[in-house]
N, C-alpha and C. Protein backbone atom coordinates (compact mmCIF):
# COMPACT_ATOMS: atom_id res chain seq x y z
N MET A 1 0.97 -1.25 -0.12
CA MET A 1 0.18 0.13 -0.03
C MET A 1 0.91 1.28 0.20
N SER A 2 0.53 2.31 -0.61
CA SER A 2 1.40 3.39 -1.01
C SER A 2 1.56 4.32 0.44
N LYS A 3 2.64 4.61 0.69
CA LYS A 3 2.73 5.57 1.89
C LYS A 3 2.01 6.75 2.12
N ARG A 4 1.40 7.08 0.75
CA ARG A 4 0.70 8.55 0.58
C ARG A 4 -0.80 8.33 0.45
N SER A 5 -1.60 7.04 0.90
CA SER A 5 -2.68 6.66 0.91
C SER A 5 -3.54 7.73 2.06
N SER A 6 -4.08 8.87 1.50
CA SER A 6 -4.73 9.79 2.36
C SER A 6 -5.06 10.83 1.56
N SER A 7 -5.93 11.80 2.05
CA SER A 7 -6.62 12.85 1.66
C SER A 7 -6.11 14.00 0.91
N LYS A 8 -4.65 13.93 1.72
CA LYS A 8 -3.71 15.13 1.12
C LYS A 8 -3.18 14.99 0.06
N LYS A 9 -3.03 15.87 -0.73
CA LYS A 9 -2.32 15.78 -2.10
C LYS A 9 -0.91 16.06 -2.11
N SER A 10 0.02 15.32 -2.70
CA SER A 10 1.42 15.77 -2.76
C SER A 10 1.84 17.08 -3.42
N ARG A 11 2.38 17.76 -2.71
CA ARG A 11 2.66 19.15 -3.51
C ARG A 11 3.81 19.11 -4.22
N VAL A 12 3.86 19.24 -5.81
CA VAL A 12 4.97 19.37 -6.58
C VAL A 12 5.20 20.75 -7.11
N LEU A 13 6.58 21.06 -7.12
CA LEU A 13 7.36 22.20 -7.45
C LEU A 13 7.94 21.89 -8.79
N ILE A 14 7.59 22.14 -10.15
CA ILE A 14 8.30 21.99 -11.29
C ILE A 14 9.40 23.26 -11.77
N VAL A 15 10.49 22.43 -12.23
CA VAL A 15 11.47 23.55 -12.37
C VAL A 15 12.24 23.09 -13.82
N ASP A 16 11.87 24.06 -14.70
CA ASP A 16 12.06 23.80 -16.19
C ASP A 16 12.22 25.28 -16.95
N ASP A 17 13.01 25.38 -17.48
CA ASP A 17 13.70 26.90 -18.27
C ASP A 17 12.69 26.77 -19.47
N HIS A 18 11.85 26.15 -19.91
CA HIS A 18 11.09 26.09 -21.25
C HIS A 18 9.46 26.24 -20.78
N PRO A 19 9.05 27.52 -21.11
CA PRO A 19 7.46 27.85 -20.54
C PRO A 19 6.61 26.72 -20.82
N VAL A 20 6.71 26.41 -22.07
CA VAL A 20 5.87 25.22 -22.86
C VAL A 20 5.84 24.17 -22.04
N MET A 21 7.19 23.69 -21.96
CA MET A 21 7.44 22.52 -21.11
C MET A 21 6.81 22.58 -19.64
N ARG A 22 6.80 23.50 -18.96
CA ARG A 22 6.76 23.94 -17.59
C ARG A 22 5.18 23.87 -17.40
N ARG A 23 4.43 24.50 -18.57
CA ARG A 23 2.94 24.50 -18.43
C ARG A 23 2.38 23.14 -18.82
N GLY A 24 2.95 22.28 -19.80
CA GLY A 24 2.23 21.03 -20.12
C GLY A 24 2.88 20.17 -18.84
N LEU A 25 3.50 20.23 -18.30
CA LEU A 25 3.89 19.41 -17.21
C LEU A 25 3.01 19.70 -15.86
N SER A 26 2.91 21.00 -15.65
CA SER A 26 1.98 21.63 -14.60
C SER A 26 0.50 20.75 -14.73
N GLN A 27 0.23 20.83 -16.17
CA GLN A 27 -1.45 20.04 -16.39
C GLN A 27 -1.34 19.00 -16.36
N VAL A 28 -0.37 18.10 -16.49
CA VAL A 28 -0.34 16.54 -16.36
C VAL A 28 -0.20 16.32 -14.67
N VAL A 29 0.33 17.33 -14.19
CA VAL A 29 0.24 16.81 -12.68
C VAL A 29 -1.17 17.43 -11.98
N CYS A 30 -1.58 18.61 -12.47
CA CYS A 30 -2.77 18.97 -12.01
C CYS A 30 -3.98 17.74 -12.20
N ASP A 31 -3.88 17.11 -13.25
CA ASP A 31 -4.80 16.04 -13.60
C ASP A 31 -4.52 14.77 -12.72
N GLN A 32 -3.77 14.81 -11.73
CA GLN A 32 -3.63 13.64 -10.99
C GLN A 32 -4.44 13.64 -9.81
N PRO A 33 -5.23 12.64 -9.36
CA PRO A 33 -6.15 12.87 -8.19
C PRO A 33 -5.18 13.11 -6.74
N ASP A 34 -3.94 12.50 -6.85
CA ASP A 34 -3.06 12.87 -5.46
C ASP A 34 -2.14 13.76 -5.88
N MET A 35 -1.81 14.43 -6.66
CA MET A 35 -0.89 15.72 -6.81
C MET A 35 -1.47 16.85 -6.92
N GLU A 36 -0.69 18.06 -6.45
CA GLU A 36 -1.12 19.60 -7.14
C GLU A 36 0.06 20.18 -7.15
N VAL A 37 0.06 21.24 -8.27
CA VAL A 37 1.38 21.80 -8.39
C VAL A 37 1.38 23.02 -7.27
N CYS A 38 2.56 23.30 -6.48
CA CYS A 38 2.43 24.67 -5.50
C CYS A 38 3.40 25.59 -6.11
N GLY A 39 3.96 25.37 -7.16
CA GLY A 39 4.75 26.37 -7.90
C GLY A 39 5.56 25.76 -9.05
N GLU A 40 5.91 26.89 -9.75
CA GLU A 40 6.75 26.92 -10.95
C GLU A 40 7.78 27.66 -11.17
N ALA A 41 9.19 27.17 -11.70
CA ALA A 41 10.20 27.94 -11.46
C ALA A 41 11.14 27.76 -12.85
N ALA A 42 11.88 28.63 -13.47
CA ALA A 42 12.69 28.81 -14.61
C ALA A 42 14.11 28.64 -14.21
N SER A 43 14.51 28.78 -12.85
CA SER A 43 15.82 29.08 -12.70
C SER A 43 15.93 28.55 -11.45
N VAL A 44 17.46 28.09 -11.18
CA VAL A 44 17.98 27.72 -9.76
C VAL A 44 17.48 28.76 -8.40
N ASP A 45 17.70 29.94 -8.77
CA ASP A 45 17.43 30.99 -7.75
C ASP A 45 15.90 30.98 -7.48
N GLU A 46 15.13 30.90 -8.64
CA GLU A 46 13.49 31.01 -8.42
C GLU A 46 13.20 29.58 -7.76
N ALA A 47 13.90 28.54 -7.82
CA ALA A 47 13.46 27.29 -7.48
C ALA A 47 13.70 27.13 -5.95
N LEU A 48 14.78 27.72 -5.54
CA LEU A 48 15.13 27.65 -4.26
C LEU A 48 14.12 28.80 -3.39
N ALA A 49 13.82 29.69 -3.85
CA ALA A 49 12.79 30.60 -3.45
C ALA A 49 11.42 29.91 -2.95
N LEU A 50 11.18 29.50 -4.14
CA LEU A 50 9.70 28.79 -4.18
C LEU A 50 9.87 27.62 -3.16
N ALA A 51 10.90 26.96 -3.24
CA ALA A 51 10.83 26.08 -2.22
C ALA A 51 10.94 26.26 -0.74
N GLU A 52 11.54 27.59 -0.42
CA GLU A 52 11.53 28.02 0.65
C GLU A 52 9.97 28.43 1.02
N GLN A 53 9.33 29.08 0.18
CA GLN A 53 7.94 29.61 0.35
C GLN A 53 7.05 28.60 0.41
N THR A 54 6.98 27.34 -0.55
CA THR A 54 5.64 26.63 -0.92
C THR A 54 6.01 25.11 0.02
N ALA A 55 7.14 24.84 0.47
CA ALA A 55 7.15 23.40 1.21
C ALA A 55 6.82 22.33 0.37
N PRO A 56 7.20 22.13 -0.82
CA PRO A 56 6.77 20.98 -1.70
C PRO A 56 7.36 19.58 -1.36
N ASP A 57 6.65 18.62 -1.41
CA ASP A 57 6.90 17.18 -1.38
C ASP A 57 7.72 16.63 -2.49
N LEU A 58 7.57 17.28 -3.61
CA LEU A 58 8.30 16.49 -4.91
C LEU A 58 8.75 17.61 -5.44
N MET A 59 9.97 17.83 -6.11
CA MET A 59 10.60 18.88 -6.88
C MET A 59 10.77 18.08 -8.31
N ILE A 60 10.04 18.38 -9.44
CA ILE A 60 10.77 17.82 -10.80
C ILE A 60 11.55 18.85 -11.26
N VAL A 61 12.62 18.38 -11.70
CA VAL A 61 13.72 19.16 -12.02
C VAL A 61 14.36 18.90 -13.82
N ASP A 62 14.54 19.87 -14.47
CA ASP A 62 15.26 19.45 -15.46
C ASP A 62 16.67 20.11 -15.53
N ILE A 63 17.58 19.27 -16.17
CA ILE A 63 19.24 19.36 -16.15
C ILE A 63 19.62 20.78 -16.52
N SER A 64 19.06 21.33 -17.73
CA SER A 64 19.42 22.56 -18.01
C SER A 64 18.39 23.46 -17.71
N LEU A 65 18.99 24.51 -17.01
CA LEU A 65 18.22 25.58 -16.74
C LEU A 65 18.65 27.12 -16.77
N GLY A 66 19.44 27.02 -17.97
CA GLY A 66 19.85 28.34 -18.60
C GLY A 66 20.81 28.87 -17.69
N ASP A 67 20.94 29.64 -16.58
CA ASP A 67 21.87 30.22 -16.07
C ASP A 67 22.86 29.19 -15.20
N LYS A 68 22.28 28.11 -14.58
CA LYS A 68 22.87 27.03 -14.17
C LYS A 68 22.50 25.65 -14.50
N ASN A 69 22.52 24.61 -13.78
CA ASN A 69 21.91 23.43 -14.01
C ASN A 69 21.12 22.94 -12.81
N GLY A 70 20.72 21.89 -13.16
CA GLY A 70 19.70 21.26 -12.42
C GLY A 70 20.43 20.25 -11.24
N ILE A 71 21.75 19.77 -11.80
CA ILE A 71 22.63 19.11 -10.93
C ILE A 71 23.19 19.98 -9.58
N GLU A 72 23.36 21.01 -9.94
CA GLU A 72 23.83 22.11 -8.67
C GLU A 72 22.61 22.28 -8.03
N LEU A 73 21.12 22.53 -8.43
CA LEU A 73 20.09 22.86 -8.04
C LEU A 73 19.93 21.79 -6.82
N ILE A 74 19.99 20.41 -7.21
CA ILE A 74 20.04 19.34 -6.68
C ILE A 74 20.68 19.28 -5.35
N LYS A 75 22.07 19.51 -5.42
CA LYS A 75 22.82 19.61 -4.43
C LYS A 75 22.51 20.56 -3.09
N GLN A 76 22.05 21.88 -3.70
CA GLN A 76 21.50 22.87 -2.88
C GLN A 76 20.48 22.70 -2.30
N VAL A 77 19.36 21.81 -2.79
CA VAL A 77 18.41 21.37 -2.20
C VAL A 77 18.36 20.31 -1.17
N ARG A 78 19.27 19.21 -1.53
CA ARG A 78 19.56 18.15 -0.66
C ARG A 78 20.35 18.79 0.88
N ASN A 79 21.32 19.95 0.63
CA ASN A 79 21.74 20.35 1.68
C ASN A 79 20.70 21.02 2.57
N ARG A 80 19.86 21.47 2.27
CA ARG A 80 18.88 22.79 3.00
C ARG A 80 17.72 22.20 3.32
N TRP A 81 17.19 20.92 2.29
CA TRP A 81 15.93 20.61 2.66
C TRP A 81 16.02 18.83 2.51
N PRO A 82 16.72 18.12 3.24
CA PRO A 82 17.24 17.09 3.00
C PRO A 82 15.87 15.85 2.86
N ASP A 83 14.69 16.41 3.39
CA ASP A 83 13.48 15.26 3.07
C ASP A 83 12.65 15.69 1.74
N LEU A 84 12.91 16.69 1.25
CA LEU A 84 12.53 17.19 -0.22
C LEU A 84 12.91 16.03 -1.26
N ARG A 85 11.92 15.43 -1.81
CA ARG A 85 12.21 14.49 -2.98
C ARG A 85 12.32 15.02 -4.19
N MET A 86 13.49 14.61 -4.90
CA MET A 86 13.55 15.33 -6.35
C MET A 86 13.81 14.05 -7.47
N LEU A 87 12.92 14.49 -8.64
CA LEU A 87 12.97 13.68 -9.73
C LEU A 87 13.52 14.54 -10.91
N VAL A 88 14.45 14.02 -11.81
CA VAL A 88 14.79 14.73 -12.97
C VAL A 88 14.02 14.16 -13.86
N SER A 89 13.70 15.28 -14.87
CA SER A 89 12.91 14.81 -16.21
C SER A 89 13.63 15.91 -17.12
N SER A 90 14.36 14.93 -17.83
CA SER A 90 15.30 15.72 -19.06
C SER A 90 15.28 14.91 -20.23
N MET A 91 15.91 15.68 -21.24
CA MET A 91 16.24 15.25 -22.66
C MET A 91 17.51 14.65 -22.69
N HIS A 92 18.54 14.97 -21.83
CA HIS A 92 19.66 14.33 -21.79
C HIS A 92 19.96 13.02 -21.61
N ASP A 93 21.00 12.61 -22.29
CA ASP A 93 21.25 11.22 -21.99
C ASP A 93 21.25 10.67 -20.76
N GLU A 94 20.39 9.89 -20.26
CA GLU A 94 20.12 9.02 -18.98
C GLU A 94 21.21 8.38 -18.68
N SER A 95 21.89 7.71 -19.30
CA SER A 95 23.31 7.02 -19.19
C SER A 95 24.52 7.91 -18.57
N LEU A 96 24.62 9.32 -19.16
CA LEU A 96 25.47 10.19 -18.65
C LEU A 96 24.98 10.77 -17.28
N PHE A 97 23.74 11.19 -17.22
CA PHE A 97 23.07 12.38 -16.25
C PHE A 97 22.69 11.38 -15.03
N ALA A 98 22.15 10.40 -15.20
CA ALA A 98 21.46 9.84 -14.21
C ALA A 98 22.39 9.70 -12.68
N GLU A 99 23.50 8.96 -13.16
CA GLU A 99 24.01 8.75 -11.79
C GLU A 99 24.32 9.89 -11.16
N ARG A 100 24.84 10.78 -11.87
CA ARG A 100 25.25 12.32 -11.38
C ARG A 100 24.05 12.82 -10.45
N ALA A 101 22.92 12.56 -11.17
CA ALA A 101 21.63 13.28 -10.53
C ALA A 101 21.55 12.33 -8.87
N LEU A 102 21.70 11.16 -9.09
CA LEU A 102 21.52 10.36 -8.00
C LEU A 102 22.57 10.55 -6.70
N ARG A 103 23.64 10.96 -7.29
CA ARG A 103 25.01 11.35 -6.42
C ARG A 103 24.77 12.56 -5.91
N ALA A 104 23.94 13.68 -6.39
CA ALA A 104 23.90 14.65 -5.98
C ALA A 104 22.54 14.92 -5.12
N GLY A 105 21.70 13.64 -5.20
CA GLY A 105 20.59 13.67 -4.24
C GLY A 105 19.23 13.59 -4.75
N ALA A 106 19.19 13.23 -6.08
CA ALA A 106 17.87 13.04 -6.61
C ALA A 106 17.53 11.69 -6.45
N MET A 107 16.20 11.28 -6.48
CA MET A 107 15.98 9.91 -6.47
C MET A 107 15.30 9.25 -7.58
N GLY A 108 15.46 10.09 -8.97
CA GLY A 108 14.80 9.28 -9.77
C GLY A 108 15.19 10.22 -11.13
N TYR A 109 15.36 9.45 -12.50
CA TYR A 109 15.43 10.01 -13.58
C TYR A 109 14.64 9.59 -14.80
N VAL A 110 14.04 10.54 -15.20
CA VAL A 110 12.95 10.02 -16.38
C VAL A 110 13.35 10.80 -17.62
N ASN A 111 13.48 10.36 -18.87
CA ASN A 111 13.72 11.14 -19.89
C ASN A 111 12.40 11.78 -20.51
N LYS A 112 12.53 12.94 -20.96
CA LYS A 112 11.25 13.81 -21.34
C LYS A 112 10.50 12.99 -22.68
N GLY A 113 11.13 11.97 -23.23
CA GLY A 113 10.49 11.28 -24.36
C GLY A 113 9.79 9.99 -24.09
N GLU A 114 9.60 10.20 -22.44
CA GLU A 114 8.48 8.82 -22.21
C GLU A 114 7.22 9.56 -22.14
N GLU A 115 6.15 8.64 -22.04
CA GLU A 115 5.01 8.74 -21.48
C GLU A 115 4.54 9.66 -20.34
N THR A 116 3.69 10.33 -20.65
CA THR A 116 3.32 11.07 -19.30
C THR A 116 3.31 10.13 -18.22
N GLY A 117 2.33 9.13 -18.38
CA GLY A 117 2.08 7.96 -17.54
C GLY A 117 3.39 7.44 -16.50
N THR A 118 4.49 7.29 -17.58
CA THR A 118 5.70 6.66 -16.85
C THR A 118 6.26 7.86 -16.00
N LEU A 119 6.24 9.06 -16.26
CA LEU A 119 6.75 10.07 -15.48
C LEU A 119 5.91 10.21 -14.16
N MET A 120 4.46 10.10 -14.19
CA MET A 120 3.85 10.17 -12.93
C MET A 120 3.88 8.81 -12.27
N ASP A 121 4.05 7.76 -12.74
CA ASP A 121 4.64 6.71 -11.93
C ASP A 121 5.78 6.65 -11.39
N ALA A 122 6.66 7.42 -11.94
CA ALA A 122 8.25 7.76 -11.25
C ALA A 122 7.93 8.68 -10.14
N ALA A 123 6.99 9.57 -10.30
CA ALA A 123 6.88 10.56 -9.35
C ALA A 123 6.33 10.00 -8.07
N ARG A 124 5.18 9.22 -8.43
CA ARG A 124 4.84 8.32 -7.18
C ARG A 124 5.62 7.66 -6.34
N ARG A 125 6.54 6.81 -7.06
CA ARG A 125 7.66 6.01 -6.55
C ARG A 125 8.52 6.90 -5.77
N VAL A 126 9.04 7.80 -6.46
CA VAL A 126 10.13 8.55 -5.29
C VAL A 126 9.50 9.34 -4.58
N LEU A 127 8.35 9.87 -4.39
CA LEU A 127 7.37 10.21 -3.25
C LEU A 127 7.30 9.23 -2.25
N ASP A 128 7.27 7.89 -2.69
CA ASP A 128 7.11 6.92 -1.54
C ASP A 128 8.50 6.43 -1.20
N GLY A 129 9.49 7.19 -1.69
CA GLY A 129 10.85 6.95 -1.08
C GLY A 129 11.66 5.95 -1.74
N HIS A 130 11.13 5.51 -3.00
CA HIS A 130 11.86 4.35 -3.89
C HIS A 130 12.30 5.12 -4.99
N ILE A 131 13.78 4.56 -5.29
CA ILE A 131 14.54 5.01 -6.56
C ILE A 131 13.83 4.74 -7.81
N HIS A 132 13.78 5.65 -8.77
CA HIS A 132 13.52 4.86 -10.09
C HIS A 132 14.16 5.53 -11.27
N LEU A 133 14.43 4.46 -12.14
CA LEU A 133 15.44 4.82 -13.06
C LEU A 133 14.76 3.63 -14.16
N SER A 134 15.22 3.87 -15.50
CA SER A 134 14.77 3.18 -16.53
C SER A 134 15.05 1.68 -16.39
N PRO A 135 14.68 0.49 -16.89
CA PRO A 135 15.28 -0.71 -16.86
C PRO A 135 16.67 -0.84 -17.08
N GLN A 136 16.91 -0.20 -18.32
CA GLN A 136 18.38 -0.21 -18.87
C GLN A 136 19.53 0.47 -18.03
N MET A 137 19.32 1.49 -17.41
CA MET A 137 19.91 2.29 -16.47
C MET A 137 20.00 1.29 -15.17
N THR A 138 19.07 0.76 -14.68
CA THR A 138 19.15 0.05 -13.65
C THR A 138 20.33 -1.19 -13.56
N THR A 139 20.13 -1.73 -14.86
CA THR A 139 20.88 -3.16 -15.41
C THR A 139 22.26 -2.33 -15.35
N ARG A 140 22.51 -1.44 -16.06
CA ARG A 140 23.99 -0.75 -16.09
C ARG A 140 24.85 -0.31 -14.84
N LEU A 141 23.93 0.05 -13.83
CA LEU A 141 24.43 0.52 -12.34
C LEU A 141 24.80 -0.78 -11.51
N LEU A 142 24.04 -1.77 -11.97
CA LEU A 142 24.17 -3.06 -11.29
C LEU A 142 25.20 -3.75 -11.68
N ASN A 143 25.41 -3.66 -13.16
CA ASN A 143 26.83 -4.43 -13.63
C ASN A 143 27.83 -3.43 -13.20
N GLN A 144 27.85 -2.23 -13.08
CA GLN A 144 28.99 -1.33 -12.37
C GLN A 144 29.37 -1.82 -10.86
N VAL A 145 28.39 -1.94 -10.25
CA VAL A 145 28.55 -2.75 -8.80
C VAL A 145 29.40 -4.07 -8.81
N ALA A 146 28.86 -4.82 -9.88
CA ALA A 146 29.34 -6.09 -9.81
C ALA A 146 30.69 -6.21 -10.35
N THR A 147 30.99 -5.49 -11.15
CA THR A 147 32.55 -5.49 -11.51
C THR A 147 33.67 -5.09 -10.83
N THR A 148 34.63 -5.58 -10.93
CA THR A 148 35.66 -5.25 -9.95
C THR A 148 36.20 -3.75 -10.16
N PRO A 149 36.51 -3.02 -9.15
CA PRO A 149 36.95 -1.61 -8.99
C PRO A 149 38.08 -1.33 -9.59
N LEU A 150 38.88 -2.27 -9.93
CA LEU A 150 40.28 -2.20 -10.81
C LEU A 150 40.12 -1.92 -12.30
N THR A 151 38.71 -2.22 -12.65
CA THR A 151 38.40 -1.94 -14.14
C THR A 151 37.62 -0.63 -14.02
N ASP A 152 37.52 0.36 -14.90
CA ASP A 152 36.81 1.62 -15.10
C ASP A 152 36.46 1.68 -16.44
N SER A 153 35.08 1.11 -16.97
CA SER A 153 34.68 1.05 -18.20
C SER A 153 33.95 2.34 -18.56
N ARG A 154 34.01 3.29 -17.76
CA ARG A 154 33.27 4.50 -17.99
C ARG A 154 33.77 5.05 -19.48
N SER A 155 32.97 5.81 -20.31
CA SER A 155 33.36 6.57 -21.43
C SER A 155 34.32 7.85 -20.60
N PRO A 156 35.17 8.29 -21.35
CA PRO A 156 36.14 9.52 -20.90
C PRO A 156 34.82 10.84 -20.41
N ILE A 157 33.90 10.97 -21.25
CA ILE A 157 33.03 12.17 -20.90
C ILE A 157 32.36 11.91 -19.60
N GLU A 158 31.99 10.42 -19.31
CA GLU A 158 31.42 9.99 -17.56
C GLU A 158 32.66 10.40 -16.76
N LYS A 159 33.58 10.62 -16.89
CA LYS A 159 34.89 10.83 -15.88
C LYS A 159 34.96 12.36 -15.71
N LEU A 160 34.39 13.16 -16.50
CA LEU A 160 34.46 14.50 -16.29
C LEU A 160 33.58 15.02 -14.92
N SER A 161 34.29 15.84 -14.06
CA SER A 161 33.45 15.93 -13.04
C SER A 161 32.00 16.89 -13.36
N ASP A 162 31.09 17.13 -12.20
CA ASP A 162 29.83 17.80 -12.70
C ASP A 162 30.11 19.40 -13.20
N ARG A 163 31.06 19.75 -12.76
CA ARG A 163 31.40 21.11 -13.17
C ARG A 163 31.94 21.33 -14.56
N GLU A 164 33.23 20.20 -14.50
CA GLU A 164 33.61 20.09 -16.00
C GLU A 164 32.76 20.08 -16.88
N LEU A 165 31.77 19.00 -16.72
CA LEU A 165 30.72 18.69 -17.78
C LEU A 165 29.94 19.87 -18.19
N GLU A 166 29.71 20.57 -17.05
CA GLU A 166 29.09 21.91 -17.53
C GLU A 166 29.57 22.77 -18.13
N VAL A 167 30.96 22.87 -18.10
CA VAL A 167 31.80 23.69 -18.78
C VAL A 167 32.13 23.20 -20.25
N PHE A 168 32.17 21.94 -20.10
CA PHE A 168 32.30 21.47 -21.55
C PHE A 168 30.91 21.67 -22.47
N ARG A 169 29.79 21.57 -21.97
CA ARG A 169 28.39 21.59 -22.25
C ARG A 169 28.40 23.15 -23.00
N LEU A 170 28.92 24.19 -22.13
CA LEU A 170 28.88 25.40 -22.45
C LEU A 170 29.72 25.82 -23.73
N ILE A 171 31.06 25.17 -23.93
CA ILE A 171 31.55 25.11 -24.81
C ILE A 171 31.22 24.84 -26.10
N GLY A 172 30.42 23.90 -25.91
CA GLY A 172 29.84 22.92 -27.14
C GLY A 172 28.57 24.02 -27.82
N GLU A 173 28.31 24.79 -26.93
CA GLU A 173 26.87 25.64 -27.28
C GLU A 173 27.65 27.07 -27.62
N GLY A 174 29.00 27.05 -27.93
CA GLY A 174 29.64 28.30 -28.53
C GLY A 174 29.86 29.42 -27.56
N LEU A 175 30.13 29.20 -26.43
CA LEU A 175 30.45 30.20 -25.36
C LEU A 175 31.91 30.33 -25.33
N LEU A 176 32.45 31.61 -25.25
CA LEU A 176 33.77 31.74 -25.15
C LEU A 176 34.19 31.43 -23.66
N THR A 177 35.47 31.60 -23.13
CA THR A 177 35.78 31.50 -21.97
C THR A 177 35.45 32.56 -20.97
N LYS A 178 35.40 33.89 -21.54
CA LYS A 178 34.95 34.93 -20.71
C LYS A 178 33.42 34.84 -20.44
N GLN A 179 32.68 34.25 -21.51
CA GLN A 179 31.37 34.38 -21.42
C GLN A 179 30.96 33.12 -20.23
N ILE A 180 31.58 32.11 -20.46
CA ILE A 180 31.41 30.95 -19.72
C ILE A 180 31.70 31.22 -18.15
N ALA A 181 32.73 31.93 -17.87
CA ALA A 181 33.18 32.53 -16.69
C ALA A 181 31.85 33.50 -16.09
N ALA A 182 31.43 34.17 -16.88
CA ALA A 182 30.38 35.08 -16.49
C ALA A 182 29.19 34.63 -16.10
N ARG A 183 28.83 33.19 -16.72
CA ARG A 183 27.75 32.66 -16.83
C ARG A 183 27.79 31.91 -15.52
N LEU A 184 28.92 31.11 -15.26
CA LEU A 184 28.99 30.50 -13.81
C LEU A 184 29.48 31.30 -12.56
N LYS A 185 29.48 32.63 -12.90
CA LYS A 185 29.79 33.00 -12.18
C LYS A 185 31.34 32.78 -11.33
N LEU A 186 32.52 32.43 -12.20
CA LEU A 186 33.56 32.19 -11.87
C LEU A 186 34.64 32.91 -12.36
N SER A 187 35.77 33.01 -12.08
CA SER A 187 37.10 33.67 -12.72
C SER A 187 37.18 33.16 -13.77
N ILE A 188 37.71 33.65 -15.04
CA ILE A 188 38.27 33.27 -16.34
C ILE A 188 39.66 32.07 -16.03
N LYS A 189 40.48 32.50 -14.96
CA LYS A 189 41.30 31.75 -14.65
C LYS A 189 40.84 30.17 -14.35
N THR A 190 39.79 30.24 -13.55
CA THR A 190 39.34 28.85 -13.13
C THR A 190 38.76 28.41 -14.36
N ILE A 191 38.00 29.04 -15.19
CA ILE A 191 37.42 28.08 -16.32
C ILE A 191 38.56 27.67 -17.27
N GLU A 192 39.73 28.35 -17.47
CA GLU A 192 40.80 27.86 -18.18
C GLU A 192 41.34 26.64 -17.63
N THR A 193 41.41 26.79 -16.29
CA THR A 193 41.94 25.52 -15.55
C THR A 193 41.01 24.21 -15.73
N TYR A 194 39.65 24.54 -15.86
CA TYR A 194 38.39 23.52 -16.38
C TYR A 194 38.83 23.20 -17.64
N ARG A 195 39.15 23.84 -18.36
CA ARG A 195 39.22 23.56 -20.03
C ARG A 195 40.59 22.61 -20.09
N GLU A 196 41.74 23.06 -19.55
CA GLU A 196 42.84 22.13 -19.36
C GLU A 196 42.44 20.82 -18.90
N ASN A 197 41.96 20.58 -17.66
CA ASN A 197 41.42 19.31 -17.00
C ASN A 197 40.44 18.59 -18.26
N ILE A 198 39.68 19.31 -18.89
CA ILE A 198 38.75 18.53 -19.69
C ILE A 198 39.57 18.05 -20.72
N LYS A 199 40.47 18.52 -21.60
CA LYS A 199 41.28 18.41 -22.40
C LYS A 199 42.33 17.13 -22.18
N ALA A 200 42.68 17.21 -21.05
CA ALA A 200 43.52 16.15 -20.67
C ALA A 200 42.89 14.82 -20.13
N LYS A 201 41.61 14.91 -19.84
CA LYS A 201 40.43 13.53 -19.45
C LYS A 201 40.00 13.15 -20.84
N LEU A 202 39.97 13.87 -21.76
CA LEU A 202 39.56 13.67 -22.99
C LEU A 202 40.56 13.34 -24.08
N ASN A 203 41.88 13.27 -23.70
CA ASN A 203 42.89 13.34 -24.54
C ASN A 203 42.93 14.21 -25.91
N LEU A 204 42.77 15.44 -25.47
CA LEU A 204 42.48 16.50 -26.68
C LEU A 204 43.80 17.20 -26.81
N ALA A 205 44.32 17.43 -27.76
CA ALA A 205 45.57 18.17 -28.09
C ALA A 205 45.50 19.68 -27.85
N ASN A 206 44.47 20.22 -28.27
CA ASN A 206 44.65 21.84 -28.10
C ASN A 206 43.05 21.99 -28.37
N ALA A 207 42.85 23.76 -28.06
CA ALA A 207 41.58 24.24 -27.85
C ALA A 207 40.50 24.00 -29.06
N ALA A 208 41.21 23.73 -30.17
CA ALA A 208 40.31 23.53 -31.61
C ALA A 208 39.62 22.35 -31.27
N GLU A 209 40.45 21.07 -30.74
CA GLU A 209 39.86 19.59 -30.70
C GLU A 209 38.88 19.79 -29.77
N LEU A 210 39.05 20.54 -28.54
CA LEU A 210 38.09 20.68 -27.46
C LEU A 210 36.89 21.09 -27.93
N THR A 211 36.93 22.26 -28.67
CA THR A 211 35.77 22.77 -29.10
C THR A 211 35.13 21.81 -30.17
N ARG A 212 35.58 21.29 -31.24
CA ARG A 212 35.19 20.42 -31.86
C ARG A 212 34.28 19.41 -31.38
N HIS A 213 34.84 19.13 -30.22
CA HIS A 213 34.60 17.73 -29.57
C HIS A 213 33.20 18.08 -28.67
N ALA A 214 33.29 19.38 -28.14
CA ALA A 214 32.12 19.46 -27.44
C ALA A 214 30.87 19.99 -28.08
N VAL A 215 31.04 20.54 -29.19
CA VAL A 215 30.08 21.18 -30.39
C VAL A 215 29.43 19.67 -30.98
N GLN A 216 30.37 18.74 -31.00
CA GLN A 216 29.74 17.39 -31.50
C GLN A 216 28.83 16.64 -30.45
N TRP A 217 29.26 16.74 -29.34
CA TRP A 217 28.86 16.10 -28.24
C TRP A 217 27.29 16.97 -27.87
N VAL A 218 27.32 18.13 -27.92
CA VAL A 218 26.26 18.90 -27.74
C VAL A 218 25.13 18.74 -28.89
N LEU A 219 25.41 18.49 -30.16
CA LEU A 219 24.44 18.06 -31.18
C LEU A 219 24.00 16.78 -31.04
N GLU A 220 24.98 15.93 -30.71
CA GLU A 220 24.14 14.38 -30.11
C GLU A 220 23.19 14.62 -29.16
N GLN A 221 23.37 15.46 -28.13
CA GLN A 221 22.71 15.24 -27.28
C GLN A 221 21.09 16.21 -27.40
N THR A 222 20.94 16.88 -28.56
CA THR A 222 19.87 17.52 -28.94
C THR A 222 19.03 16.83 -29.93
C-alpha cells in the first residue's frame, strides 16, 4: 500500500526553463487525483525561493536551467531540505546524467521522451521513497557494482566532474571562456583550468579539438 494513501495531495514544484514544457507538465500533474502543483520555476534561484515559500513534497527538475544546471540545484536542495524528494525529467542522456543526479541527491530520472504516465509513476515511486530509473539504467548500475573496482569502463566524458561537464557543454554551445566565466560566476582563470582538465581527461591536443569535440557532443544530445 502506498505511504501516501490519504486525502492530502502531494505538493509538486516544477523546475524547467522552457515555459511550454513547464506549463504542459503542470497540467499533467494537476490532472492527477493525488498531486497538486505548488509552484513553477525557470531558474535555480527561483526554485530555491519557491521551495522555501511553498514547502513542496516533490521537485521535478530539468538538467538544463539556463543560468545554472539542475545538478547544482539538486545539491543545494539536498543540503537545505534533506527530506524534499527530487525527480529529474530531462532530454539529456540518462546514461550520462542519471548517476550524477542520484549522487547529487535526486531519487529518480525520467527522459522527457517517455509517456506522461511513466513520469507520474516515477513521481509516485520517488514520493514513496523509492529510486526510479529505466530498466536499462538499473541494469547498467548493477553491472557497475558487480565489476571489480580495478576496471573502469566509463567513457571519457563520464569521467568529467559535474562542473567540468557543465563547462564542456557551454563550450559546445559556442560560449567563449569569458562568457562561460560570467555565466557560472567564476573567474576566467578557473574556467581555463577546467578547460585544461577536460582536454587532459578527453585526450584532446588543443583548444580547437576541445571545441570541435564539445560541439559534436552537444549536437548529439539535442
